[in-house]
């Protein structure tokens, strides 16, 4: 199996203006990089209690809702604390055996479009 854990979505964030953890949303996926927003945050308490929304380095983020955004995909290349909203699916690959970049490019391909 190439997955480290089952694919799952982030959570609906409880935004906090003075929070310290950036929220990654569908609009931040640019199919080549992730544009981290400095506009919407959650506090550390929300982050710690919402394990399913915690993003890790080399996670593949896949937009899983919305006609226009469906299928946008990028790999996280930073170790910063980040939180995924409920419109993103988080895919964790067993990195010892597989390269997350391969899967990102596959999901962007025509064949990958059939699997989305």
Protein backbone atom coordinates (compact mmCIF):
# COMPACT_ATOMS: atom_id res chain seq x y z
CA UNK A 1 0.00 0.00 0.00
CA UNK A 2 1.36 3.41 -0.87
CA UNK A 3 -0.71 5.39 1.67
CA UNK A 4 0.66 6.04 5.13
CA UNK A 5 -2.92 6.51 6.42
CA UNK A 6 -6.42 6.84 4.94
CA UNK A 7 -7.09 9.95 2.87
CA UNK A 8 -9.05 12.47 4.91
CA UNK A 9 -10.33 16.02 4.74
CA UNK A 10 -9.36 18.91 6.95
CA UNK A 11 -11.88 20.49 9.31
CA UNK A 12 -13.95 23.66 9.35
CA UNK A 13 -11.63 26.04 11.17
CA UNK A 14 -12.54 28.26 14.09
CA UNK A 15 -10.81 31.37 12.76
CA UNK A 16 -9.06 33.59 15.27
CA UNK A 17 -7.66 36.98 14.19
CA UNK A 18 -4.80 36.67 16.65
CA UNK A 19 -4.16 32.96 15.97
CA UNK A 20 -0.72 31.69 15.17
CA UNK A 21 -1.42 28.80 12.75
CA UNK A 22 -2.16 29.63 9.08
CA UNK A 23 -5.16 27.98 7.42
CA UNK A 24 -4.66 26.53 3.93
CA UNK A 25 -7.71 26.72 1.69
CA UNK A 26 -8.47 25.66 -1.88
CA UNK A 27 -7.57 29.11 -3.22
CA UNK A 28 -4.05 28.73 -1.86
CA UNK A 29 -3.31 25.75 -4.16
CA UNK A 30 -1.67 27.16 -7.30
CA UNK A 31 -0.75 23.88 -9.10
CA UNK A 32 2.94 24.49 -8.68
CA UNK A 33 3.16 26.02 -5.23
CA UNK A 34 1.06 26.79 -2.20
CA UNK A 35 0.46 30.47 -1.52
CA UNK A 36 0.30 30.65 2.25
CA UNK A 37 -2.11 33.26 3.47
CA UNK A 38 -1.28 35.61 6.27
CA UNK A 39 -4.95 36.49 6.59
CA UNK A 40 -6.74 33.60 8.27
CA UNK A 41 -5.52 31.79 11.35
CA UNK A 42 -6.54 29.34 14.04
CA UNK A 43 -5.12 29.22 17.52
CA UNK A 44 -2.85 26.46 18.78
CA UNK A 45 -5.67 24.95 20.86
CA UNK A 46 -7.81 24.35 17.74
CA UNK A 47 -4.78 22.97 15.89
CA UNK A 48 -3.89 20.57 18.72
CA UNK A 49 -7.47 19.29 19.03
CA UNK A 50 -8.05 18.86 15.29
CA UNK A 51 -5.51 16.24 14.29
CA UNK A 52 -7.26 15.55 11.01
CA UNK A 53 -6.64 19.11 9.82
CA UNK A 54 -2.94 19.18 10.73
CA UNK A 55 -0.73 19.42 7.66
CA UNK A 56 2.73 17.84 7.58
CA UNK A 57 5.67 18.33 5.24
CA UNK A 58 5.28 16.27 2.02
CA UNK A 59 1.51 15.97 2.43
CA UNK A 60 -0.36 16.10 -0.85
CA UNK A 61 -3.26 18.55 -0.67
CA UNK A 62 -6.10 17.92 -3.10
CA UNK A 63 -9.04 20.28 -3.60
CA UNK A 64 -12.02 17.99 -3.15
CA UNK A 65 -14.98 20.35 -3.54
CA UNK A 66 -16.15 22.97 -6.03
CA UNK A 67 -16.50 22.67 -9.82
CA UNK A 68 -13.77 25.18 -10.65
CA UNK A 69 -11.26 24.09 -8.02
CA UNK A 70 -11.87 20.34 -7.97
CA UNK A 71 -8.63 18.48 -8.55
CA UNK A 72 -6.15 21.27 -7.80
CA UNK A 73 -3.21 19.56 -6.14
CA UNK A 74 0.09 20.54 -4.53
CA UNK A 75 2.71 19.10 -2.19
CA UNK A 76 3.55 20.83 1.09
CA UNK A 77 7.24 21.70 1.12
CA UNK A 78 7.46 23.43 4.48
CA UNK A 79 7.59 22.16 8.03
CA UNK A 80 5.55 25.10 9.37
CA UNK A 81 2.48 24.41 11.45
CA UNK A 82 -0.45 24.56 9.02
CA UNK A 83 -4.13 23.69 9.17
CA UNK A 84 -6.29 22.44 6.26
CA UNK A 85 -9.87 23.58 5.92
CA UNK A 86 -12.66 21.11 5.17
CA UNK A 87 -12.46 21.54 1.39
CA UNK A 88 -9.00 19.97 1.12
CA UNK A 89 -8.18 16.29 1.23
CA UNK A 90 -4.88 15.35 2.81
CA UNK A 91 -3.00 12.46 1.21
CA UNK A 92 0.01 11.01 3.07
CA UNK A 93 2.30 8.76 1.09
CA UNK A 94 4.78 6.28 2.53
CA UNK A 95 7.83 8.35 1.68
CA UNK A 96 10.29 5.51 2.26
CA UNK A 97 8.89 3.78 -0.83
CA UNK A 98 7.24 6.52 -2.90
CA UNK A 99 7.84 10.12 -3.89
CA UNK A 100 4.94 12.51 -3.13
CA UNK A 101 5.88 14.59 -6.19
CA UNK A 102 5.16 11.58 -8.43
CA UNK A 103 1.63 11.37 -7.07
CA UNK A 104 1.12 15.11 -7.38
CA UNK A 105 2.08 15.00 -11.07
CA UNK A 106 0.00 11.87 -11.59
CA UNK A 107 -3.10 13.54 -10.09
CA UNK A 108 -2.53 16.50 -12.45
CA UNK A 109 -2.31 14.22 -15.50
CA UNK A 110 -5.16 13.02 -17.66
CA UNK A 111 -5.05 9.58 -16.00
CA UNK A 112 -5.06 11.20 -12.57
CA UNK A 113 -8.13 13.20 -13.54
CA UNK A 114 -10.05 9.95 -13.92
CA UNK A 115 -9.08 8.89 -10.39
CA UNK A 116 -10.16 12.17 -8.71
